[in-house]
């Protein structure tokens, strides 16, 4: 059992992370500007309300609670939800304040949340990656303050890793579009739509490249990451997503409609394949997500699911869902 200090523990992702880590047997210290009702706090967790941007506050709380690990989630979490300068200043200052305080206190494991938006998709000037699926080698090209602030959060932990060597272990992770447990049952998602609406209208999920992840799978990822941090290279960045796309049609069919010029890049995105690869987390950590929209949505989706049908056909034909080298698939 570890003592884990989680900033932003009252947020959409934070609540599931606190609950998941507590369920895994850890002692969790949740820190946020706003408290959740005491009856909603899971057993094994305690909470503090604090402004982590106040001088010395992050250092005071970390030294007072003496955690074995720090997970930094606190941030303005939605692009363009505040003036650009406010988002940039708040998120970068929070990341530096928390990571610096944890480093000065000698906390042995420090993790910060980043975002897939650091890659720059959705840019008004147009965006295409070198290839799909996207992974940690895809060059970041942030085009707004939120995305840039998240890339700087990654660089912050890498800066400290460069200074500390292996004395303190650091990592960053990029959670895909987070779906919290209540959202599977109809609560509004971060962008104000339900999951079902995002499935029924691809235009709603296209800006996020149809990516998503169950918040509980993020909690599971963090539990595994903390356990394995001593055995992997320091300062690593990981994508954390579902094993499928939030779509009922293959992305090879959808992307040319919503991402101009992407057609030649999408041959690998057959069946239910997502745009974001989680192979690095699988290979370095042995982590894999347990939940998909097909297992969690309530009531179950009743519309046509051509992506799953195509995936089943690929599995039957290729035994592993793999497309033979050089194979192409015609789309309407």
Foldseek 3Di string as FASTA:
>chain_A
DWEEEEEPLVDQLNVLLQVLVVVVPYQYEYEEQDDDPPVSRDPNYDYDHDDLLPPPPLLVVCLVRVTLEYEYDDAPDDPPPDPQVCRLVGLLSSLLSNVVSCVVSQNQEYEYEAAPCQQPQPDPVADDWPAFQDWPPTDGDHDTSRSVSRVSSLVSQVVVCVVPPNSHAYEYEHEAQEDEQVLLEPDAGPVGGGLLVCAVDVVVCVSSQQWYAYSNLVSVLVVLCVVCRSPDDGSYYFYDTAQFGSYLAFSLQVCVVRRPPCNVRCQFRAQRGGSYDRVVSCVRRVGHGDDDSQPRRPPHDDDHRVSNVRQVVLCVVPVPSGDPPPDGDDYD
